[in-house]
Amino acid sequence: MDRKAQAISLVDYLQSLDDFVMIDYFDGNYGHMGATISDAILQAGTTYETVVRPRIKRIREVYSEAVTTSEFWRLLQEKGSKAVLSWKDDEKPRRVVGFTKFLLEEGIETEGALSEWIESDSNRARLLKVRGIGPKTADYIKILVGSQTAAVDRHVFRLLSEAGLETSNYEEAKEILNLAADIFGVERALFDHSIWQYMSKRDKLKSKKFPC
């Protein structure tokens, strides 16, 4: 089955689900590099609504001056990354510092500059060498700054499996999602986010129904 046929199968499967709805919003486009950098790093492996979103809101409100990479770097040096992020463990604050430093070295000061820079394959290859940034996070960063693509995570792979589309290949899964979004006639980032919301809510309902 070629990619377009797989995308059509995915669309058919989603349309067969009574409780699947298309979301018309997602986080990002903050106009605040401190928020963008922090969101990009904190989101992996955490509960977004209760862990990440409140921290991003706080960073934007308390540190409203950190709109450029340089200003956010200055803030991290003055306050300490753990204090800025309100984070107890060391690893993610360390990754935030590393990512911020990388952007400074690349001369990227704003979301607009990051949006243009990240479209280059060679720049993406360099980004993937930064500690804590894999293909999914790289694509998530693209979404945060306004690009239309999917950021494939475990929820997407599970949904594809349920739809009878077995794959463990990241780029293949992303292509299927992006083609499916085009068939649906919706923005790719919104389509990706709708699947994430659907699978996340379903997981929560299961955990409440069958508590450990």
N, C-alpha and C. Protein backbone atom coordinates (compact mmCIF):
# COMPACT_ATOMS: atom_id res chain seq x y z
N MET A 1 0.85 -1.19 0.00
CA MET A 1 0.00 0.00 0.00
C MET A 1 0.88 1.24 0.00
N ASP A 2 0.64 2.16 -0.96
CA ASP A 2 1.48 3.36 -1.00
C ASP A 2 1.02 4.35 0.07
N ARG A 3 1.80 5.44 0.21
CA ARG A 3 1.52 6.40 1.28
C ARG A 3 0.13 7.03 1.15
N LYS A 4 -0.26 7.39 -0.06
CA LYS A 4 -1.57 8.03 -0.23
C LYS A 4 -2.69 7.07 0.15
N ALA A 5 -2.55 5.81 -0.23
CA ALA A 5 -3.56 4.82 0.13
C ALA A 5 -3.61 4.63 1.64
N GLN A 6 -2.44 4.66 2.29
CA GLN A 6 -2.40 4.55 3.75
C GLN A 6 -3.07 5.76 4.40
N ALA A 7 -2.83 6.93 3.83
CA ALA A 7 -3.45 8.15 4.37
C ALA A 7 -4.96 8.09 4.23
N ILE A 8 -5.45 7.59 3.11
CA ILE A 8 -6.89 7.44 2.91
C ILE A 8 -7.47 6.46 3.92
N SER A 9 -6.75 5.38 4.19
CA SER A 9 -7.19 4.40 5.19
C SER A 9 -7.26 5.03 6.57
N LEU A 10 -6.30 5.88 6.88
CA LEU A 10 -6.30 6.56 8.17
C LEU A 10 -7.50 7.50 8.27
N VAL A 11 -7.77 8.25 7.22
CA VAL A 11 -8.92 9.15 7.21
C VAL A 11 -10.22 8.36 7.40
N ASP A 12 -10.35 7.24 6.68
CA ASP A 12 -11.54 6.41 6.82
C ASP A 12 -11.70 5.91 8.25
N TYR A 13 -10.59 5.52 8.85
CA TYR A 13 -10.65 5.02 10.23
C TYR A 13 -11.09 6.11 11.20
N LEU A 14 -10.51 7.30 11.06
CA LEU A 14 -10.86 8.40 11.95
C LEU A 14 -12.32 8.81 11.79
N GLN A 15 -12.81 8.78 10.57
CA GLN A 15 -14.21 9.14 10.32
C GLN A 15 -15.17 8.09 10.87
N SER A 16 -14.66 6.89 11.12
CA SER A 16 -15.51 5.84 11.71
C SER A 16 -15.61 5.96 13.23
N LEU A 17 -14.79 6.82 13.81
CA LEU A 17 -14.79 7.00 15.27
C LEU A 17 -15.80 8.07 15.66
N ASP A 18 -16.77 7.69 16.47
CA ASP A 18 -17.82 8.63 16.86
C ASP A 18 -17.31 9.77 17.72
N ASP A 19 -16.23 9.52 18.46
CA ASP A 19 -15.77 10.53 19.42
C ASP A 19 -14.52 11.29 18.96
N PHE A 20 -14.10 11.09 17.71
CA PHE A 20 -12.94 11.85 17.22
C PHE A 20 -13.42 13.21 16.72
N VAL A 21 -12.81 14.27 17.24
CA VAL A 21 -13.16 15.63 16.80
C VAL A 21 -11.90 16.37 16.38
N MET A 22 -12.07 17.28 15.45
CA MET A 22 -10.95 18.08 14.97
C MET A 22 -10.79 19.31 15.86
N ILE A 23 -9.61 19.47 16.44
CA ILE A 23 -9.32 20.60 17.31
C ILE A 23 -8.96 21.81 16.46
N ASP A 24 -9.36 22.99 16.91
CA ASP A 24 -9.08 24.20 16.11
C ASP A 24 -8.06 25.12 16.78
N TYR A 25 -7.24 24.56 17.66
CA TYR A 25 -6.23 25.38 18.34
C TYR A 25 -5.03 24.51 18.71
N PHE A 26 -3.90 25.15 18.96
CA PHE A 26 -2.76 24.48 19.57
C PHE A 26 -1.84 25.57 20.12
N ASP A 27 -0.98 25.17 21.06
CA ASP A 27 -0.08 26.13 21.68
C ASP A 27 1.05 26.50 20.72
N GLY A 28 1.66 27.64 20.98
CA GLY A 28 2.77 28.08 20.15
C GLY A 28 2.56 29.48 19.62
N ASN A 29 3.46 29.90 18.73
CA ASN A 29 3.43 31.26 18.19
C ASN A 29 3.36 32.28 19.33
N TYR A 30 4.23 32.09 20.31
CA TYR A 30 4.20 32.90 21.52
C TYR A 30 4.74 34.31 21.32
N GLY A 31 5.61 34.49 20.33
CA GLY A 31 6.30 35.77 20.22
C GLY A 31 7.24 35.98 21.40
N HIS A 32 7.73 34.88 21.95
CA HIS A 32 8.53 34.91 23.19
C HIS A 32 9.46 33.71 23.15
N MET A 33 10.73 33.94 22.86
CA MET A 33 11.67 32.82 22.70
C MET A 33 11.86 32.01 23.97
N GLY A 34 11.75 32.65 25.12
CA GLY A 34 11.86 31.90 26.37
C GLY A 34 10.77 30.86 26.48
N ALA A 35 9.55 31.23 26.09
CA ALA A 35 8.43 30.30 26.13
C ALA A 35 8.60 29.20 25.09
N THR A 36 9.03 29.57 23.89
CA THR A 36 9.20 28.61 22.80
C THR A 36 10.26 27.57 23.14
N ILE A 37 11.40 28.02 23.62
CA ILE A 37 12.50 27.12 23.99
C ILE A 37 12.06 26.19 25.11
N SER A 38 11.42 26.75 26.12
CA SER A 38 11.01 25.96 27.29
C SER A 38 9.96 24.93 26.91
N ASP A 39 8.97 25.33 26.13
CA ASP A 39 7.92 24.41 25.69
C ASP A 39 8.54 23.26 24.89
N ALA A 40 9.43 23.60 23.98
CA ALA A 40 10.05 22.59 23.13
C ALA A 40 10.75 21.50 23.93
N ILE A 41 11.43 21.89 24.99
CA ILE A 41 12.20 20.93 25.77
C ILE A 41 11.36 20.23 26.84
N LEU A 42 10.46 20.95 27.49
CA LEU A 42 9.71 20.37 28.61
C LEU A 42 8.65 19.37 28.17
N GLN A 43 8.12 19.50 26.95
CA GLN A 43 6.95 18.72 26.56
C GLN A 43 7.17 17.21 26.50
N ALA A 44 8.36 16.77 26.22
CA ALA A 44 8.61 15.34 26.01
C ALA A 44 8.41 14.54 27.30
N GLY A 45 7.55 13.54 27.24
CA GLY A 45 7.37 12.62 28.35
C GLY A 45 6.67 13.20 29.56
N THR A 46 5.95 14.32 29.40
CA THR A 46 5.26 14.93 30.54
C THR A 46 3.79 15.16 30.19
N THR A 47 2.99 15.43 31.21
CA THR A 47 1.58 15.76 31.00
C THR A 47 1.49 17.24 30.66
N TYR A 48 1.17 17.53 29.42
CA TYR A 48 1.27 18.91 28.93
C TYR A 48 0.36 19.87 29.70
N GLU A 49 -0.91 19.51 29.86
CA GLU A 49 -1.87 20.44 30.44
C GLU A 49 -1.52 20.85 31.86
N THR A 50 -1.04 19.92 32.66
CA THR A 50 -0.81 20.21 34.07
C THR A 50 0.64 20.53 34.42
N VAL A 51 1.56 20.15 33.55
CA VAL A 51 2.98 20.35 33.85
C VAL A 51 3.59 21.45 32.98
N VAL A 52 3.39 21.35 31.68
CA VAL A 52 4.06 22.28 30.76
C VAL A 52 3.31 23.60 30.61
N ARG A 53 2.04 23.54 30.25
CA ARG A 53 1.30 24.77 29.95
C ARG A 53 1.34 25.79 31.09
N PRO A 54 1.15 25.39 32.36
CA PRO A 54 1.22 26.39 33.43
C PRO A 54 2.59 27.05 33.54
N ARG A 55 3.65 26.29 33.27
CA ARG A 55 5.00 26.85 33.34
C ARG A 55 5.26 27.82 32.19
N ILE A 56 4.75 27.51 31.02
CA ILE A 56 4.92 28.42 29.89
C ILE A 56 4.16 29.71 30.15
N LYS A 57 2.97 29.59 30.68
CA LYS A 57 2.17 30.78 31.02
C LYS A 57 2.92 31.64 32.03
N ARG A 58 3.51 31.01 33.04
CA ARG A 58 4.26 31.73 34.06
C ARG A 58 5.48 32.43 33.46
N ILE A 59 6.21 31.75 32.61
CA ILE A 59 7.40 32.33 31.99
C ILE A 59 7.02 33.57 31.18
N ARG A 60 5.94 33.49 30.43
CA ARG A 60 5.51 34.63 29.61
C ARG A 60 5.07 35.81 30.47
N GLU A 61 4.47 35.51 31.61
CA GLU A 61 3.96 36.59 32.46
C GLU A 61 5.03 37.17 33.37
N VAL A 62 5.80 36.30 34.03
CA VAL A 62 6.80 36.75 35.00
C VAL A 62 8.05 37.28 34.30
N TYR A 63 8.42 36.65 33.20
CA TYR A 63 9.63 37.04 32.47
C TYR A 63 9.26 37.54 31.08
N SER A 64 8.39 38.52 31.04
CA SER A 64 7.89 39.03 29.77
C SER A 64 8.99 39.64 28.90
N GLU A 65 10.11 39.99 29.52
CA GLU A 65 11.22 40.61 28.77
C GLU A 65 12.02 39.60 27.95
N ALA A 66 11.85 38.31 28.22
CA ALA A 66 12.68 37.28 27.58
C ALA A 66 12.14 36.89 26.21
N VAL A 67 11.90 37.89 25.38
CA VAL A 67 11.30 37.63 24.07
C VAL A 67 12.33 37.21 23.03
N THR A 68 13.59 37.52 23.25
CA THR A 68 14.65 37.09 22.33
C THR A 68 15.51 36.03 23.00
N THR A 69 16.26 35.33 22.19
CA THR A 69 17.14 34.28 22.73
C THR A 69 18.18 34.89 23.68
N SER A 70 18.75 36.02 23.32
CA SER A 70 19.76 36.67 24.17
C SER A 70 19.18 37.06 25.53
N GLU A 71 17.97 37.60 25.51
CA GLU A 71 17.34 38.01 26.76
C GLU A 71 17.00 36.80 27.63
N PHE A 72 16.58 35.72 26.98
CA PHE A 72 16.29 34.50 27.75
C PHE A 72 17.57 33.90 28.31
N TRP A 73 18.65 33.93 27.53
CA TRP A 73 19.94 33.44 28.00
C TRP A 73 20.41 34.23 29.22
N ARG A 74 20.25 35.54 29.16
CA ARG A 74 20.62 36.40 30.28
C ARG A 74 19.80 36.04 31.53
N LEU A 75 18.54 35.77 31.32
CA LEU A 75 17.67 35.39 32.43
C LEU A 75 18.10 34.06 33.05
N LEU A 76 18.43 33.09 32.20
CA LEU A 76 18.89 31.80 32.71
C LEU A 76 20.16 31.93 33.53
N GLN A 77 21.06 32.81 33.09
CA GLN A 77 22.31 33.02 33.81
C GLN A 77 22.09 33.74 35.14
N GLU A 78 21.16 34.67 35.14
CA GLU A 78 20.91 35.46 36.36
C GLU A 78 20.09 34.70 37.40
N LYS A 79 19.04 34.02 36.96
CA LYS A 79 18.11 33.37 37.88
C LYS A 79 18.40 31.88 38.09
N GLY A 80 19.03 31.27 37.10
CA GLY A 80 19.23 29.83 37.13
C GLY A 80 18.09 29.14 36.40
N SER A 81 18.41 28.16 35.59
CA SER A 81 17.40 27.52 34.75
C SER A 81 16.32 26.81 35.56
N LYS A 82 16.69 26.19 36.68
CA LYS A 82 15.69 25.48 37.48
C LYS A 82 14.69 26.44 38.09
N ALA A 83 15.14 27.61 38.48
CA ALA A 83 14.23 28.61 39.05
C ALA A 83 13.32 29.18 37.97
N VAL A 84 13.87 29.46 36.81
CA VAL A 84 13.07 30.02 35.72
C VAL A 84 11.99 29.04 35.29
N LEU A 85 12.34 27.77 35.21
CA LEU A 85 11.41 26.74 34.76
C LEU A 85 10.53 26.20 35.87
N SER A 86 10.87 26.53 37.11
CA SER A 86 10.18 25.96 38.28
C SER A 86 10.23 24.43 38.20
N TRP A 87 11.46 23.93 38.09
CA TRP A 87 11.70 22.50 37.83
C TRP A 87 12.70 21.96 38.84
N LYS A 88 12.41 20.79 39.41
CA LYS A 88 13.27 20.24 40.47
C LYS A 88 14.45 19.45 39.92
N ASP A 89 14.20 18.61 38.92
CA ASP A 89 15.28 17.77 38.39
C ASP A 89 16.27 18.59 37.58
N ASP A 90 17.42 18.00 37.29
CA ASP A 90 18.49 18.72 36.59
C ASP A 90 18.43 18.60 35.07
N GLU A 91 17.95 17.47 34.54
CA GLU A 91 18.14 17.17 33.13
C GLU A 91 17.45 18.16 32.18
N LYS A 92 16.18 18.39 32.37
CA LYS A 92 15.50 19.29 31.43
C LYS A 92 15.98 20.74 31.53
N PRO A 93 16.22 21.27 32.71
CA PRO A 93 16.84 22.60 32.76
C PRO A 93 18.19 22.64 32.03
N ARG A 94 18.96 21.56 32.15
CA ARG A 94 20.24 21.49 31.44
C ARG A 94 20.01 21.51 29.92
N ARG A 95 18.99 20.81 29.47
CA ARG A 95 18.68 20.79 28.04
C ARG A 95 18.21 22.16 27.55
N VAL A 96 17.45 22.86 28.37
CA VAL A 96 16.99 24.20 28.01
C VAL A 96 18.20 25.13 27.82
N VAL A 97 19.15 25.04 28.74
CA VAL A 97 20.37 25.85 28.63
C VAL A 97 21.13 25.48 27.36
N GLY A 98 21.26 24.19 27.09
CA GLY A 98 21.99 23.74 25.90
C GLY A 98 21.33 24.19 24.61
N PHE A 99 20.01 24.10 24.56
CA PHE A 99 19.28 24.52 23.37
C PHE A 99 19.38 26.03 23.16
N THR A 100 19.27 26.77 24.25
CA THR A 100 19.38 28.23 24.17
C THR A 100 20.76 28.64 23.67
N LYS A 101 21.78 28.00 24.20
CA LYS A 101 23.15 28.29 23.77
C LYS A 101 23.34 27.98 22.29
N PHE A 102 22.78 26.87 21.86
CA PHE A 102 22.87 26.47 20.45
C PHE A 102 22.24 27.53 19.55
N LEU A 103 21.05 28.01 19.92
CA LEU A 103 20.37 29.03 19.13
C LEU A 103 21.18 30.33 19.07
N LEU A 104 21.79 30.68 20.19
CA LEU A 104 22.65 31.87 20.21
C LEU A 104 23.81 31.72 19.23
N GLU A 105 24.43 30.55 19.25
CA GLU A 105 25.56 30.29 18.36
C GLU A 105 25.13 30.32 16.89
N GLU A 106 23.87 29.97 16.63
CA GLU A 106 23.34 29.99 15.27
C GLU A 106 22.84 31.38 14.88
N GLY A 107 22.85 32.31 15.83
CA GLY A 107 22.39 33.67 15.54
C GLY A 107 20.89 33.81 15.43
N ILE A 108 20.16 32.93 16.10
CA ILE A 108 18.70 32.94 16.03
C ILE A 108 18.14 33.63 17.27
N GLU A 109 17.52 34.78 17.06
CA GLU A 109 17.03 35.59 18.19
C GLU A 109 15.51 35.60 18.33
N THR A 110 14.77 35.30 17.28
CA THR A 110 13.32 35.42 17.31
C THR A 110 12.65 34.18 16.73
N GLU A 111 11.35 34.05 16.99
CA GLU A 111 10.59 32.94 16.43
C GLU A 111 10.59 33.00 14.90
N GLY A 112 10.49 34.21 14.35
CA GLY A 112 10.51 34.35 12.91
C GLY A 112 11.80 33.83 12.30
N ALA A 113 12.91 34.15 12.93
CA ALA A 113 14.22 33.67 12.45
C ALA A 113 14.31 32.15 12.59
N LEU A 114 13.80 31.62 13.70
CA LEU A 114 13.83 30.17 13.92
C LEU A 114 12.95 29.46 12.90
N SER A 115 11.80 30.05 12.58
CA SER A 115 10.89 29.46 11.60
C SER A 115 11.55 29.31 10.24
N GLU A 116 12.31 30.31 9.82
CA GLU A 116 13.01 30.25 8.54
C GLU A 116 14.19 29.28 8.60
N TRP A 117 14.94 29.36 9.68
CA TRP A 117 16.16 28.56 9.84
C TRP A 117 15.86 27.07 9.84
N ILE A 118 14.81 26.67 10.52
CA ILE A 118 14.55 25.25 10.74
C ILE A 118 14.03 24.54 9.48
N GLU A 119 13.65 25.31 8.46
CA GLU A 119 13.18 24.69 7.22
C GLU A 119 14.31 24.09 6.41
N SER A 120 15.55 24.48 6.71
CA SER A 120 16.71 23.94 5.98
C SER A 120 17.07 22.55 6.50
N ASP A 121 17.26 21.60 5.60
CA ASP A 121 17.63 20.24 6.00
C ASP A 121 18.96 20.20 6.75
N SER A 122 19.91 21.02 6.31
CA SER A 122 21.22 21.02 6.97
C SER A 122 21.12 21.60 8.38
N ASN A 123 20.26 22.61 8.56
CA ASN A 123 20.05 23.17 9.90
C ASN A 123 19.36 22.16 10.80
N ARG A 124 18.39 21.45 10.25
CA ARG A 124 17.69 20.43 11.02
C ARG A 124 18.68 19.34 11.48
N ALA A 125 19.59 18.97 10.59
CA ALA A 125 20.58 17.95 10.94
C ALA A 125 21.44 18.42 12.12
N ARG A 126 21.80 19.70 12.15
CA ARG A 126 22.57 20.23 13.27
C ARG A 126 21.73 20.27 14.54
N LEU A 127 20.47 20.63 14.38
CA LEU A 127 19.56 20.68 15.53
C LEU A 127 19.43 19.32 16.20
N LEU A 128 19.40 18.27 15.41
CA LEU A 128 19.23 16.92 15.93
C LEU A 128 20.44 16.44 16.74
N LYS A 129 21.53 17.18 16.68
CA LYS A 129 22.71 16.85 17.48
C LYS A 129 22.66 17.47 18.88
N VAL A 130 21.67 18.36 19.10
CA VAL A 130 21.53 19.00 20.41
C VAL A 130 20.93 18.02 21.40
N ARG A 131 21.49 17.98 22.59
CA ARG A 131 21.02 17.05 23.62
C ARG A 131 19.52 17.24 23.89
N GLY A 132 18.77 16.13 23.81
CA GLY A 132 17.35 16.17 24.11
C GLY A 132 16.45 16.46 22.93
N ILE A 133 17.04 16.66 21.74
CA ILE A 133 16.22 16.96 20.57
C ILE A 133 16.34 15.85 19.53
N GLY A 134 15.25 15.11 19.38
CA GLY A 134 15.16 14.08 18.35
C GLY A 134 14.22 14.53 17.25
N PRO A 135 13.88 13.66 16.31
CA PRO A 135 13.00 14.04 15.20
C PRO A 135 11.66 14.60 15.65
N LYS A 136 11.05 13.98 16.67
CA LYS A 136 9.74 14.45 17.12
C LYS A 136 9.83 15.86 17.68
N THR A 137 10.82 16.12 18.53
CA THR A 137 10.97 17.45 19.12
C THR A 137 11.32 18.48 18.06
N ALA A 138 12.14 18.09 17.08
CA ALA A 138 12.48 19.02 15.99
C ALA A 138 11.23 19.44 15.24
N ASP A 139 10.35 18.49 14.97
CA ASP A 139 9.10 18.82 14.27
C ASP A 139 8.16 19.60 15.18
N TYR A 140 8.19 19.28 16.46
CA TYR A 140 7.36 20.03 17.42
C TYR A 140 7.79 21.50 17.45
N ILE A 141 9.09 21.73 17.39
CA ILE A 141 9.59 23.11 17.35
C ILE A 141 9.07 23.82 16.10
N LYS A 142 9.05 23.12 14.97
CA LYS A 142 8.52 23.70 13.74
C LYS A 142 7.07 24.12 13.93
N ILE A 143 6.29 23.27 14.60
CA ILE A 143 4.89 23.59 14.85
C ILE A 143 4.77 24.81 15.75
N LEU A 144 5.61 24.87 16.79
CA LEU A 144 5.57 25.99 17.73
C LEU A 144 5.79 27.34 17.05
N VAL A 145 6.57 27.33 15.96
CA VAL A 145 6.87 28.60 15.28
C VAL A 145 6.09 28.76 13.98
N GLY A 146 5.02 27.96 13.83
CA GLY A 146 4.07 28.21 12.75
C GLY A 146 4.14 27.33 11.53
N SER A 147 5.03 26.33 11.49
CA SER A 147 5.10 25.45 10.32
C SER A 147 3.97 24.42 10.36
N GLN A 148 3.60 23.92 9.19
CA GLN A 148 2.54 22.94 9.09
C GLN A 148 3.13 21.55 8.88
N THR A 149 3.21 20.78 9.96
CA THR A 149 3.69 19.42 9.89
C THR A 149 3.18 18.66 11.10
N ALA A 150 3.50 17.38 11.16
CA ALA A 150 3.14 16.56 12.31
C ALA A 150 4.39 16.26 13.12
N ALA A 151 4.20 16.07 14.42
CA ALA A 151 5.28 15.65 15.31
C ALA A 151 4.85 14.29 15.88
N VAL A 152 5.39 13.24 15.31
CA VAL A 152 4.91 11.89 15.60
C VAL A 152 5.41 11.38 16.95
N ASP A 153 4.47 10.98 17.81
CA ASP A 153 4.84 10.40 19.10
C ASP A 153 4.16 9.04 19.25
N ARG A 154 4.23 8.48 20.45
CA ARG A 154 3.70 7.13 20.70
C ARG A 154 2.20 7.07 20.45
N HIS A 155 1.48 8.17 20.69
CA HIS A 155 0.04 8.20 20.44
C HIS A 155 -0.25 7.96 18.97
N VAL A 156 0.52 8.61 18.11
CA VAL A 156 0.32 8.48 16.67
C VAL A 156 0.62 7.06 16.21
N PHE A 157 1.73 6.51 16.68
CA PHE A 157 2.07 5.14 16.28
C PHE A 157 0.99 4.16 16.73
N ARG A 158 0.42 4.38 17.91
CA ARG A 158 -0.62 3.49 18.40
C ARG A 158 -1.90 3.61 17.56
N LEU A 159 -2.24 4.85 17.21
CA LEU A 159 -3.42 5.05 16.38
C LEU A 159 -3.25 4.42 15.00
N LEU A 160 -2.07 4.60 14.41
CA LEU A 160 -1.80 3.98 13.11
C LEU A 160 -1.94 2.47 13.19
N SER A 161 -1.45 1.89 14.28
CA SER A 161 -1.56 0.44 14.47
C SER A 161 -3.02 0.02 14.57
N GLU A 162 -3.81 0.79 15.30
CA GLU A 162 -5.23 0.49 15.44
C GLU A 162 -5.96 0.59 14.11
N ALA A 163 -5.46 1.47 13.24
CA ALA A 163 -6.06 1.65 11.92
C ALA A 163 -5.55 0.61 10.92
N GLY A 164 -4.71 -0.31 11.40
CA GLY A 164 -4.17 -1.36 10.54
C GLY A 164 -2.99 -0.91 9.71
N LEU A 165 -2.34 0.16 10.14
CA LEU A 165 -1.19 0.71 9.41
C LEU A 165 0.05 0.60 10.28
N GLU A 166 0.60 -0.58 10.36
CA GLU A 166 1.76 -0.84 11.20
C GLU A 166 3.02 -0.19 10.64
N THR A 167 3.67 0.64 11.45
CA THR A 167 4.95 1.21 11.06
C THR A 167 5.68 1.69 12.31
N SER A 168 6.97 1.56 12.32
CA SER A 168 7.78 2.10 13.41
C SER A 168 8.74 3.14 12.86
N ASN A 169 8.56 3.50 11.60
CA ASN A 169 9.43 4.46 10.93
C ASN A 169 8.87 5.87 11.10
N TYR A 170 9.64 6.74 11.72
CA TYR A 170 9.15 8.09 12.04
C TYR A 170 8.75 8.86 10.79
N GLU A 171 9.64 8.94 9.81
CA GLU A 171 9.37 9.73 8.61
C GLU A 171 8.18 9.18 7.83
N GLU A 172 8.05 7.87 7.80
CA GLU A 172 6.92 7.25 7.11
C GLU A 172 5.61 7.62 7.80
N ALA A 173 5.59 7.53 9.13
CA ALA A 173 4.39 7.88 9.89
C ALA A 173 4.03 9.35 9.70
N LYS A 174 5.04 10.22 9.68
CA LYS A 174 4.79 11.65 9.49
C LYS A 174 4.19 11.92 8.12
N GLU A 175 4.71 11.23 7.11
CA GLU A 175 4.19 11.43 5.75
C GLU A 175 2.74 11.00 5.66
N ILE A 176 2.40 9.88 6.29
CA ILE A 176 1.01 9.41 6.29
C ILE A 176 0.10 10.43 6.96
N LEU A 177 0.52 10.95 8.10
CA LEU A 177 -0.29 11.95 8.81
C LEU A 177 -0.47 13.21 7.99
N ASN A 178 0.61 13.70 7.41
CA ASN A 178 0.53 14.93 6.64
C ASN A 178 -0.37 14.78 5.41
N LEU A 179 -0.27 13.65 4.75
CA LEU A 179 -1.14 13.39 3.60
C LEU A 179 -2.60 13.27 4.04
N ALA A 180 -2.83 12.62 5.18
CA ALA A 180 -4.19 12.47 5.71
C ALA A 180 -4.79 13.83 6.05
N ALA A 181 -3.97 14.72 6.62
CA ALA A 181 -4.44 16.08 6.93
C ALA A 181 -4.85 16.80 5.66
N ASP A 182 -4.06 16.64 4.61
CA ASP A 182 -4.38 17.28 3.33
C ASP A 182 -5.69 16.74 2.77
N ILE A 183 -5.91 15.44 2.91
CA ILE A 183 -7.16 14.83 2.43
C ILE A 183 -8.35 15.35 3.24
N PHE A 184 -8.14 15.48 4.55
CA PHE A 184 -9.17 16.02 5.43
C PHE A 184 -9.45 17.49 5.11
N GLY A 185 -8.45 18.17 4.55
CA GLY A 185 -8.59 19.60 4.26
C GLY A 185 -8.39 20.47 5.48
N VAL A 186 -7.50 20.02 6.39
CA VAL A 186 -7.21 20.79 7.60
C VAL A 186 -5.71 21.03 7.70
N GLU A 187 -5.33 21.99 8.52
CA GLU A 187 -3.91 22.26 8.72
C GLU A 187 -3.23 21.04 9.34
N ARG A 188 -2.03 20.77 8.89
CA ARG A 188 -1.32 19.57 9.35
C ARG A 188 -1.06 19.60 10.85
N ALA A 189 -0.70 20.76 11.38
CA ALA A 189 -0.42 20.87 12.81
C ALA A 189 -1.69 20.63 13.63
N LEU A 190 -2.82 21.13 13.15
CA LEU A 190 -4.08 20.92 13.86
C LEU A 190 -4.51 19.45 13.80
N PHE A 191 -4.27 18.82 12.68
CA PHE A 191 -4.59 17.40 12.53
C PHE A 191 -3.78 16.57 13.52
N ASP A 192 -2.49 16.85 13.57
CA ASP A 192 -1.61 16.17 14.51
C ASP A 192 -2.06 16.39 15.95
N HIS A 193 -2.39 17.63 16.27
CA HIS A 193 -2.81 17.96 17.63
C HIS A 193 -4.15 17.30 17.97
N SER A 194 -5.04 17.18 17.00
CA SER A 194 -6.34 16.55 17.22
C SER A 194 -6.17 15.07 17.58
N ILE A 195 -5.24 14.41 16.90
CA ILE A 195 -4.96 13.00 17.20
C ILE A 195 -4.36 12.88 18.59
N TRP A 196 -3.43 13.78 18.91
CA TRP A 196 -2.80 13.75 20.23
C TRP A 196 -3.85 13.95 21.33
N GLN A 197 -4.74 14.92 21.14
CA GLN A 197 -5.80 15.18 22.13
C GLN A 197 -6.72 13.97 22.28
N TYR A 198 -7.10 13.39 21.16
CA TYR A 198 -8.00 12.24 21.18
C TYR A 198 -7.40 11.07 21.94
N MET A 199 -6.16 10.73 21.62
CA MET A 199 -5.50 9.59 22.25
C MET A 199 -5.20 9.86 23.73
N SER A 200 -4.81 11.10 24.05
CA SER A 200 -4.52 11.45 25.44
C SER A 200 -5.77 11.35 26.30
N LYS A 201 -6.88 11.88 25.81
CA LYS A 201 -8.13 11.83 26.57
C LYS A 201 -8.61 10.39 26.73
N ARG A 202 -8.43 9.59 25.71
CA ARG A 202 -8.82 8.19 25.80
C ARG A 202 -8.00 7.44 26.84
N ASP A 203 -6.71 7.76 26.90
CA ASP A 203 -5.84 7.14 27.90
C ASP A 203 -6.29 7.52 29.32
N LYS A 204 -6.67 8.80 29.49
CA LYS A 204 -7.12 9.26 30.81
C LYS A 204 -8.39 8.54 31.23
N LEU A 205 -9.31 8.36 30.28
CA LEU A 205 -10.56 7.67 30.60
C LEU A 205 -10.30 6.22 30.99
N LYS A 206 -9.35 5.58 30.30
CA LYS A 206 -9.00 4.20 30.62
C LYS A 206 -8.40 4.10 32.01
N SER A 207 -7.52 5.05 32.34
CA SER A 207 -6.87 5.01 33.66
C SER A 207 -7.87 5.23 34.80
N LYS A 208 -8.91 6.04 34.54
CA LYS A 208 -9.94 6.25 35.55
C LYS A 208 -10.83 5.02 35.69
N LYS A 209 -11.05 4.35 34.56
CA LYS A 209 -11.92 3.18 34.54
C LYS A 209 -11.24 1.97 35.16
N PHE A 210 -9.94 1.86 34.90
CA PHE A 210 -9.17 0.73 35.42
C PHE A 210 -7.96 1.24 36.21
N PRO A 211 -8.18 1.79 37.38
CA PRO A 211 -7.07 2.32 38.18
C PRO A 211 -6.14 1.22 38.62
N CYS A 212 -4.86 1.58 38.77
CA CYS A 212 -3.87 0.58 39.20
C CYS A 212 -4.09 0.22 40.66
